[in-house]
Amino acid sequence: TIWKDVPGVLNADPKWFDETELIAQLSYHDAI
């Protein structure tokens, strides 16, 4: 478990997008 200051992996960096979405599940392939 990696503990971050964001809710999890988001679909975009909040620095660039006002609205982002949490990705609840991600494959190893997509993560790489």
PDB file of all heavy atoms in Angstrom:
ATOM      1  N   THR A   1       0.846  -1.189   0.000  1.00  0.00           N
ATOM      2  CA  THR A   1       0.000   0.000   0.000  1.00  0.00           C
ATOM      3  C   THR A   1       0.878   1.233   0.000  1.00  0.00           C
ATOM      4  O   THR A   1       1.753   1.387   0.864  1.00  0.00           O
ATOM      5  CB  THR A   1      -0.929   0.043   1.235  1.00  0.00           C
ATOM      6  OG1 THR A   1      -1.755  -1.119   1.251  1.00  0.00           O
ATOM      7  CG2 THR A   1      -1.817   1.286   1.200  1.00  0.00           C
ATOM      8  N   ILE A   2       0.673   2.101  -0.986  1.00  0.00           N
ATOM      9  CA  ILE A   2       1.362   3.382  -1.058  1.00  0.00           C
ATOM     10  C   ILE A   2       0.393   4.458  -0.593  1.00  0.00           C
ATOM     11  O   ILE A   2      -0.698   4.610  -1.161  1.00  0.00           O
ATOM     12  CB  ILE A   2       1.854   3.669  -2.487  1.00  0.00           C
ATOM     13  CG1 ILE A   2       2.903   2.628  -2.907  1.00  0.00           C
ATOM     14  CG2 ILE A   2       2.422   5.076  -2.606  1.00  0.00           C
ATOM     15  CD1 ILE A   2       3.394   2.785  -4.334  1.00  0.00           C
ATOM     16  N   TRP A   3       0.776   5.192   0.442  1.00  0.00           N
ATOM     17  CA  TRP A   3      -0.086   6.213   1.027  1.00  0.00           C
ATOM     18  C   TRP A   3       0.290   7.571   0.437  1.00  0.00           C
ATOM     19  O   TRP A   3       1.426   8.022   0.544  1.00  0.00           O
ATOM     20  CB  TRP A   3       0.067   6.233   2.546  1.00  0.00           C
ATOM     21  CG  TRP A   3      -0.397   4.941   3.179  1.00  0.00           C
ATOM     22  CD1 TRP A   3       0.349   3.835   3.444  1.00  0.00           C
ATOM     23  CD2 TRP A   3      -1.724   4.638   3.623  1.00  0.00           C
ATOM     24  NE1 TRP A   3      -0.429   2.850   4.018  1.00  0.00           N
ATOM     25  CE2 TRP A   3      -1.707   3.317   4.148  1.00  0.00           C
ATOM     26  CE3 TRP A   3      -2.927   5.353   3.632  1.00  0.00           C
ATOM     27  CZ2 TRP A   3      -2.842   2.706   4.676  1.00  0.00           C
ATOM     28  CZ3 TRP A   3      -4.066   4.742   4.158  1.00  0.00           C
ATOM     29  CH2 TRP A   3      -4.008   3.430   4.668  1.00  0.00           C
ATOM     30  N   LYS A   4      -0.702   8.220  -0.198  1.00  0.00           N
ATOM     31  CA  LYS A   4      -0.474   9.471  -0.935  1.00  0.00           C
ATOM     32  C   LYS A   4      -1.390  10.572  -0.394  1.00  0.00           C
ATOM     33  O   LYS A   4      -2.282  10.316   0.423  1.00  0.00           O
ATOM     34  CB  LYS A   4      -0.752   9.271  -2.425  1.00  0.00           C
ATOM     35  CG  LYS A   4      -0.013   8.112  -3.078  1.00  0.00           C
ATOM     36  CD  LYS A   4       1.427   8.430  -3.352  1.00  0.00           C
ATOM     37  CE  LYS A   4       1.606   9.458  -4.430  1.00  0.00           C
ATOM     38  NZ  LYS A   4       3.025   9.666  -4.801  1.00  0.00           N
ATOM     39  N   ASP A   5      -1.204  11.785  -0.925  1.00  0.00           N
ATOM     40  CA  ASP A   5      -2.069  12.894  -0.533  1.00  0.00           C
ATOM     41  C   ASP A   5      -3.238  13.061  -1.505  1.00  0.00           C
ATOM     42  O   ASP A   5      -3.894  14.106  -1.517  1.00  0.00           O
ATOM     43  CB  ASP A   5      -1.274  14.197  -0.432  1.00  0.00           C
ATOM     44  CG  ASP A   5      -0.529  14.547  -1.721  1.00  0.00           C
ATOM     45  OD1 ASP A   5      -0.620  13.762  -2.687  1.00  0.00           O
ATOM     46  OD2 ASP A   5       0.141  15.602  -1.742  1.00  0.00           O
ATOM     47  N   VAL A   6      -3.494  12.040  -2.319  1.00  0.00           N
ATOM     48  CA  VAL A   6      -4.652  12.013  -3.224  1.00  0.00           C
ATOM     49  C   VAL A   6      -5.474  10.771  -2.894  1.00  0.00           C
ATOM     50  O   VAL A   6      -4.973   9.835  -2.266  1.00  0.00           O
ATOM     51  CB  VAL A   6      -4.205  11.995  -4.705  1.00  0.00           C
ATOM     52  CG1 VAL A   6      -3.587  13.337  -5.099  1.00  0.00           C
ATOM     53  CG2 VAL A   6      -3.221  10.862  -4.977  1.00  0.00           C
ATOM     54  N   PRO A   7      -6.746  10.728  -3.312  1.00  0.00           N
ATOM     55  CA  PRO A   7      -7.609   9.599  -2.942  1.00  0.00           C
ATOM     56  C   PRO A   7      -7.175   8.264  -3.515  1.00  0.00           C
ATOM     57  O   PRO A   7      -7.588   7.204  -3.048  1.00  0.00           O
ATOM     58  CB  PRO A   7      -8.985  10.001  -3.487  1.00  0.00           C
ATOM     59  CG  PRO A   7      -8.929  11.473  -3.673  1.00  0.00           C
ATOM     60  CD  PRO A   7      -7.508  11.788  -4.004  1.00  0.00           C
ATOM     61  N   GLY A   8      -6.362   8.289  -4.552  1.00  0.00           N
ATOM     62  CA  GLY A   8      -5.909   7.084  -5.252  1.00  0.00           C
ATOM     63  C   GLY A   8      -5.338   7.524  -6.583  1.00  0.00           C
ATOM     64  O   GLY A   8      -4.870   8.653  -6.733  1.00  0.00           O
ATOM     65  N   VAL A   9      -5.372   6.645  -7.565  1.00  0.00           N
ATOM     66  CA  VAL A   9      -4.938   7.018  -8.909  1.00  0.00           C
ATOM     67  C   VAL A   9      -6.087   7.756  -9.581  1.00  0.00           C
ATOM     68  O   VAL A   9      -7.196   7.227  -9.711  1.00  0.00           O
ATOM     69  CB  VAL A   9      -4.542   5.776  -9.736  1.00  0.00           C
ATOM     70  CG1 VAL A   9      -4.159   6.178 -11.154  1.00  0.00           C
ATOM     71  CG2 VAL A   9      -3.385   5.034  -9.067  1.00  0.00           C
ATOM     72  N   LEU A  10      -5.817   8.978 -10.015  1.00  0.00           N
ATOM     73  CA  LEU A  10      -6.827   9.789 -10.692  1.00  0.00           C
ATOM     74  C   LEU A  10      -6.583   9.745 -12.197  1.00  0.00           C
ATOM     75  O   LEU A  10      -5.484   9.434 -12.655  1.00  0.00           O
ATOM     76  CB  LEU A  10      -6.765  11.237 -10.191  1.00  0.00           C
ATOM     77  CG  LEU A  10      -6.897  11.423  -8.672  1.00  0.00           C
ATOM     78  CD1 LEU A  10      -6.717  12.896  -8.315  1.00  0.00           C
ATOM     79  CD2 LEU A  10      -8.248  10.915  -8.177  1.00  0.00           C
ATOM     80  N   ASN A  11      -7.597  10.088 -12.962  1.00  0.00           N
ATOM     81  CA  ASN A  11      -7.452  10.032 -14.424  1.00  0.00           C
ATOM     82  C   ASN A  11      -6.700  11.245 -14.975  1.00  0.00           C
ATOM     83  O   ASN A  11      -6.404  11.293 -16.174  1.00  0.00           O
ATOM     84  CB  ASN A  11      -8.815   9.899 -15.104  1.00  0.00           C
ATOM     85  CG  ASN A  11      -9.601  11.195 -15.083  1.00  0.00           C
ATOM     86  OD1 ASN A  11      -9.650  11.889 -14.062  1.00  0.00           O
ATOM     87  ND2 ASN A  11     -10.243  11.510 -16.188  1.00  0.00           N
ATOM     88  N   ALA A  12      -6.356  12.210 -14.125  1.00  0.00           N
ATOM     89  CA  ALA A  12      -5.562  13.361 -14.538  1.00  0.00           C
ATOM     90  C   ALA A  12      -5.003  14.025 -13.286  1.00  0.00           C
ATOM     91  O   ALA A  12      -5.535  13.851 -12.186  1.00  0.00           O
ATOM     92  CB  ALA A  12      -6.403  14.357 -15.331  1.00  0.00           C
ATOM     93  N   ASP A  13      -3.937  14.763 -13.465  1.00  0.00           N
ATOM     94  CA  ASP A  13      -3.327  15.485 -12.358  1.00  0.00           C
ATOM     95  C   ASP A  13      -4.200  16.688 -12.007  1.00  0.00           C
ATOM     96  O   ASP A  13      -4.527  17.500 -12.890  1.00  0.00           O
ATOM     97  CB  ASP A  13      -1.931  15.960 -12.770  1.00  0.00           C
ATOM     98  CG  ASP A  13      -1.115  16.484 -11.598  1.00  0.00           C
ATOM     99  OD1 ASP A  13      -1.709  17.110 -10.702  1.00  0.00           O
ATOM    100  OD2 ASP A  13       0.108  16.283 -11.592  1.00  0.00           O
ATOM    101  N   PRO A  14      -4.595  16.843 -10.730  1.00  0.00           N
ATOM    102  CA  PRO A  14      -5.430  17.994 -10.340  1.00  0.00           C
ATOM    103  C   PRO A  14      -4.783  19.341 -10.652  1.00  0.00           C
ATOM    104  O   PRO A  14      -5.473  20.353 -10.716  1.00  0.00           O
ATOM    105  CB  PRO A  14      -5.600  17.794  -8.828  1.00  0.00           C
ATOM    106  CG  PRO A  14      -5.379  16.337  -8.589  1.00  0.00           C
ATOM    107  CD  PRO A  14      -4.356  15.923  -9.617  1.00  0.00           C
ATOM    108  N   LYS A  15      -3.455  19.358 -10.852  1.00  0.00           N
ATOM    109  CA  LYS A  15      -2.800  20.612 -11.231  1.00  0.00           C
ATOM    110  C   LYS A  15      -3.257  21.080 -12.611  1.00  0.00           C
ATOM    111  O   LYS A  15      -3.197  22.264 -12.922  1.00  0.00           O
ATOM    112  CB  LYS A  15      -1.275  20.431 -11.241  1.00  0.00           C
ATOM    113  CG  LYS A  15      -0.652  20.281  -9.870  1.00  0.00           C
ATOM    114  CD  LYS A  15       0.862  20.270  -9.964  1.00  0.00           C
ATOM    115  CE  LYS A  15       1.375  19.096 -10.774  1.00  0.00           C
ATOM    116  NZ  LYS A  15       2.859  18.999 -10.747  1.00  0.00           N
ATOM    117  N   TRP A  16      -3.692  20.145 -13.461  1.00  0.00           N
ATOM    118  CA  TRP A  16      -4.045  20.477 -14.836  1.00  0.00           C
ATOM    119  C   TRP A  16      -5.553  20.456 -15.087  1.00  0.00           C
ATOM    120  O   TRP A  16      -6.025  21.091 -16.024  1.00  0.00           O
ATOM    121  CB  TRP A  16      -3.372  19.496 -15.795  1.00  0.00           C
ATOM    122  CG  TRP A  16      -1.882  19.473 -15.672  1.00  0.00           C
ATOM    123  CD1 TRP A  16      -1.111  18.515 -15.094  1.00  0.00           C
ATOM    124  CD2 TRP A  16      -0.970  20.488 -16.113  1.00  0.00           C
ATOM    125  NE1 TRP A  16       0.217  18.851 -15.148  1.00  0.00           N
ATOM    126  CE2 TRP A  16       0.344  20.054 -15.774  1.00  0.00           C
ATOM    127  CE3 TRP A  16      -1.115  21.707 -16.774  1.00  0.00           C
ATOM    128  CZ2 TRP A  16       1.474  20.801 -16.067  1.00  0.00           C
ATOM    129  CZ3 TRP A  16       0.015  22.442 -17.067  1.00  0.00           C
ATOM    130  CH2 TRP A  16       1.291  21.994 -16.715  1.00  0.00           C
ATOM    131  N   PHE A  17      -6.287  19.700 -14.277  1.00  0.00           N
ATOM    132  CA  PHE A  17      -7.731  19.570 -14.502  1.00  0.00           C
ATOM    133  C   PHE A  17      -8.488  19.918 -13.219  1.00  0.00           C
ATOM    134  O   PHE A  17      -8.136  19.438 -12.128  1.00  0.00           O
ATOM    135  CB  PHE A  17      -8.087  18.137 -14.916  1.00  0.00           C
ATOM    136  CG  PHE A  17      -7.765  17.814 -16.345  1.00  0.00           C
ATOM    137  CD1 PHE A  17      -6.470  17.484 -16.726  1.00  0.00           C
ATOM    138  CD2 PHE A  17      -8.754  17.849 -17.320  1.00  0.00           C
ATOM    139  CE1 PHE A  17      -6.163  17.182 -18.041  1.00  0.00           C
ATOM    140  CE2 PHE A  17      -8.460  17.541 -18.640  1.00  0.00           C
ATOM    141  CZ  PHE A  17      -7.163  17.204 -19.001  1.00  0.00           C
ATOM    142  N   ASP A  18      -9.516  20.745 -13.372  1.00  0.00           N
ATOM    143  CA  ASP A  18     -10.351  21.092 -12.217  1.00  0.00           C
ATOM    144  C   ASP A  18     -11.175  19.900 -11.754  1.00  0.00           C
ATOM    145  O   ASP A  18     -11.449  19.747 -10.562  1.00  0.00           O
ATOM    146  CB  ASP A  18     -11.289  22.261 -12.560  1.00  0.00           C
ATOM    147  CG  ASP A  18     -10.525  23.558 -12.801  1.00  0.00           C
ATOM    148  OD1 ASP A  18      -9.444  23.715 -12.195  1.00  0.00           O
ATOM    149  OD2 ASP A  18     -11.014  24.391 -13.578  1.00  0.00           O
ATOM    150  N   GLU A  19     -11.576  19.055 -12.698  1.00  0.00           N
ATOM    151  CA  GLU A  19     -12.395  17.890 -12.361  1.00  0.00           C
ATOM    152  C   GLU A  19     -11.630  16.627 -12.738  1.00  0.00           C
ATOM    153  O   GLU A  19     -11.241  16.443 -13.895  1.00  0.00           O
ATOM    154  CB  GLU A  19     -13.734  17.935 -13.100  1.00  0.00           C
ATOM    155  CG  GLU A  19     -14.620  19.105 -12.685  1.00  0.00           C
ATOM    156  CD  GLU A  19     -15.969  19.092 -13.390  1.00  0.00           C
ATOM    157  OE1 GLU A  19     -16.238  18.096 -14.118  1.00  0.00           O
ATOM    158  OE2 GLU A  19     -16.735  20.055 -13.232  1.00  0.00           O
ATOM    159  N   THR A  20     -11.416  15.757 -11.759  1.00  0.00           N
ATOM    160  CA  THR A  20     -10.744  14.482 -11.999  1.00  0.00           C
ATOM    161  C   THR A  20     -11.610  13.351 -11.453  1.00  0.00           C
ATOM    162  O   THR A  20     -12.501  13.580 -10.620  1.00  0.00           O
ATOM    163  CB  THR A  20      -9.367  14.436 -11.318  1.00  0.00           C
ATOM    164  OG1 THR A  20      -9.538  14.632  -9.894  1.00  0.00           O
ATOM    165  CG2 THR A  20      -8.446  15.520 -11.862  1.00  0.00           C
ATOM    166  N   GLU A  21     -11.325  12.142 -11.911  1.00  0.00           N
ATOM    167  CA  GLU A  21     -12.080  10.975 -11.453  1.00  0.00           C
ATOM    168  C   GLU A  21     -11.127   9.934 -10.875  1.00  0.00           C
ATOM    169  O   GLU A  21     -10.031   9.709 -11.413  1.00  0.00           O
ATOM    170  CB  GLU A  21     -12.872  10.349 -12.607  1.00  0.00           C
ATOM    171  CG  GLU A  21     -13.966  11.241 -13.160  1.00  0.00           C
ATOM    172  CD  GLU A  21     -14.783  10.546 -14.234  1.00  0.00           C
ATOM    173  OE1 GLU A  21     -15.237   9.397 -13.982  1.00  0.00           O
ATOM    174  OE2 GLU A  21     -14.969  11.119 -15.324  1.00  0.00           O
ATOM    175  N   LEU A  22     -11.556   9.331  -9.783  1.00  0.00           N
ATOM    176  CA  LEU A  22     -10.797   8.248  -9.172  1.00  0.00           C
ATOM    177  C   LEU A  22     -10.962   6.977  -9.998  1.00  0.00           C
ATOM    178  O   LEU A  22     -12.071   6.611 -10.382  1.00  0.00           O
ATOM    179  CB  LEU A  22     -11.288   8.002  -7.741  1.00  0.00           C
ATOM    180  CG  LEU A  22     -10.669   6.806  -7.007  1.00  0.00           C
ATOM    181  CD1 LEU A  22      -9.197   7.059  -6.709  1.00  0.00           C
ATOM    182  CD2 LEU A  22     -11.433   6.509  -5.719  1.00  0.00           C
ATOM    183  N   ILE A  23      -9.850   6.309 -10.273  1.00  0.00           N
ATOM    184  CA  ILE A  23      -9.884   5.007 -10.946  1.00  0.00           C
ATOM    185  C   ILE A  23      -9.796   3.945  -9.862  1.00  0.00           C
ATOM    186  O   ILE A  23      -8.756   3.776  -9.216  1.00  0.00           O
ATOM    187  CB  ILE A  23      -8.719   4.872 -11.946  1.00  0.00           C
ATOM    188  CG1 ILE A  23      -8.800   5.982 -12.990  1.00  0.00           C
ATOM    189  CG2 ILE A  23      -8.736   3.499 -12.602  1.00  0.00           C
ATOM    190  CD1 ILE A  23      -7.603   6.050 -13.916  1.00  0.00           C
ATOM    191  N   ALA A  24     -10.889   3.228  -9.647  1.00  0.00           N
ATOM    192  CA  ALA A  24     -10.961   2.294  -8.519  1.00  0.00           C
ATOM    193  C   ALA A  24     -10.102   1.051  -8.744  1.00  0.00           C
ATOM    194  O   ALA A  24      -9.547   0.494  -7.792  1.00  0.00           O
ATOM    195  CB  ALA A  24     -12.414   1.892  -8.262  1.00  0.00           C
ATOM    196  N   GLN A  25     -10.001   0.617 -10.003  1.00  0.00           N
ATOM    197  CA  GLN A  25      -9.236  -0.595 -10.305  1.00  0.00           C
ATOM    198  C   GLN A  25      -8.419  -0.371 -11.570  1.00  0.00           C
ATOM    199  O   GLN A  25      -8.888   0.232 -12.534  1.00  0.00           O
ATOM    200  CB  GLN A  25     -10.171  -1.799 -10.483  1.00  0.00           C
ATOM    201  CG  GLN A  25      -9.481  -3.152 -10.479  1.00  0.00           C
ATOM    202  CD  GLN A  25      -8.929  -3.544 -11.846  1.00  0.00           C
ATOM    203  OE1 GLN A  25      -9.484  -3.164 -12.870  1.00  0.00           O
ATOM    204  NE2 GLN A  25      -7.831  -4.308 -11.863  1.00  0.00           N
ATOM    205  N   LEU A  26      -7.188  -0.866 -11.537  1.00  0.00           N
ATOM    206  CA  LEU A  26      -6.249  -0.632 -12.623  1.00  0.00           C
ATOM    207  C   LEU A  26      -5.465  -1.924 -12.824  1.00  0.00           C
ATOM    208  O   LEU A  26      -5.086  -2.588 -11.864  1.00  0.00           O
ATOM    209  CB  LEU A  26      -5.309   0.499 -12.207  1.00  0.00           C
ATOM    210  CG  LEU A  26      -4.465   1.245 -13.225  1.00  0.00           C
ATOM    211  CD1 LEU A  26      -5.344   1.908 -14.270  1.00  0.00           C
ATOM    212  CD2 LEU A  26      -3.625   2.295 -12.512  1.00  0.00           C
ATOM    213  N   SER A  27      -5.223  -2.278 -14.072  1.00  0.00           N
ATOM    214  CA  SER A  27      -4.413  -3.463 -14.341  1.00  0.00           C
ATOM    215  C   SER A  27      -2.934  -3.114 -14.228  1.00  0.00           C
ATOM    216  O   SER A  27      -2.535  -1.951 -14.374  1.00  0.00           O
ATOM    217  CB  SER A  27      -4.707  -4.006 -15.747  1.00  0.00           C
ATOM    218  OG  SER A  27      -4.217  -3.113 -16.736  1.00  0.00           O
ATOM    219  N   TYR A  28      -2.099  -4.134 -13.990  1.00  0.00           N
ATOM    220  CA  TYR A  28      -0.652  -3.912 -14.010  1.00  0.00           C
ATOM    221  C   TYR A  28      -0.232  -3.268 -15.331  1.00  0.00           C
ATOM    222  O   TYR A  28       0.597  -2.349 -15.355  1.00  0.00           O
ATOM    223  CB  TYR A  28       0.097  -5.239 -13.862  1.00  0.00           C
ATOM    224  CG  TYR A  28      -0.009  -5.920 -12.529  1.00  0.00           C
ATOM    225  CD1 TYR A  28      -0.365  -7.264 -12.443  1.00  0.00           C
ATOM    226  CD2 TYR A  28       0.282  -5.248 -11.344  1.00  0.00           C
ATOM    227  CE1 TYR A  28      -0.434  -7.921 -11.227  1.00  0.00           C
ATOM    228  CE2 TYR A  28       0.217  -5.888 -10.114  1.00  0.00           C
ATOM    229  CZ  TYR A  28      -0.147  -7.234 -10.062  1.00  0.00           C
ATOM    230  OH  TYR A  28      -0.204  -7.870  -8.844  1.00  0.00           O
ATOM    231  N   HIS A  29      -0.819  -3.771 -16.428  1.00  0.00           N
ATOM    232  CA  HIS A  29      -0.437  -3.274 -17.754  1.00  0.00           C
ATOM    233  C   HIS A  29      -0.700  -1.782 -17.869  1.00  0.00           C
ATOM    234  O   HIS A  29       0.180  -1.004 -18.286  1.00  0.00           O
ATOM    235  CB  HIS A  29      -1.229  -4.036 -18.829  1.00  0.00           C
ATOM    236  CG  HIS A  29      -0.828  -3.686 -20.239  1.00  0.00           C
ATOM    237  ND1 HIS A  29      -1.245  -4.406 -21.327  1.00  0.00           N
ATOM    238  CD2 HIS A  29      -0.067  -2.688 -20.737  1.00  0.00           C
ATOM    239  CE1 HIS A  29      -0.748  -3.885 -22.431  1.00  0.00           C
ATOM    240  NE2 HIS A  29      -0.031  -2.822 -22.090  1.00  0.00           N
ATOM    241  N   ASP A  30      -1.909  -1.344 -17.511  1.00  0.00           N
ATOM    242  CA  ASP A  30      -2.232   0.073 -17.619  1.00  0.00           C
ATOM    243  C   ASP A  30      -1.386   0.906 -16.655  1.00  0.00           C
ATOM    244  O   ASP A  30      -0.991   2.031 -16.980  1.00  0.00           O
ATOM    245  CB  ASP A  30      -3.721   0.306 -17.360  1.00  0.00           C
ATOM    246  CG  ASP A  30      -4.577   0.036 -18.598  1.00  0.00           C
ATOM    247  OD1 ASP A  30      -4.108   0.305 -19.716  1.00  0.00           O
ATOM    248  OD2 ASP A  30      -5.711  -0.443 -18.445  1.00  0.00           O
ATOM    249  N   ALA A  31      -1.131   0.354 -15.474  1.00  0.00           N
ATOM    250  CA  ALA A  31      -0.299   1.084 -14.514  1.00  0.00           C
ATOM    251  C   ALA A  31       1.107   1.308 -15.062  1.00  0.00           C
ATOM    252  O   ALA A  31       1.682   2.396 -14.932  1.00  0.00           O
ATOM    253  CB  ALA A  31      -0.236   0.329 -13.189  1.00  0.00           C
ATOM    254  N   ILE A  32       1.674   0.276 -15.697  1.00  0.00           N
ATOM    255  CA  ILE A  32       3.005   0.416 -16.300  1.00  0.00           C
ATOM    256  C   ILE A  32       2.975   1.460 -17.410  1.00  0.00           C
ATOM    257  O   ILE A  32       3.873   2.308 -17.506  1.00  0.00           O
ATOM    258  CB  ILE A  32       3.491  -0.940 -16.844  1.00  0.00           C
ATOM    259  CG1 ILE A  32       3.836  -1.878 -15.684  1.00  0.00           C
ATOM    260  CG2 ILE A  32       4.706  -0.761 -17.741  1.00  0.00           C
ATOM    261  CD1 ILE A  32       4.131  -3.301 -16.112  1.00  0.00           C
TER     262      ILE A  32
END
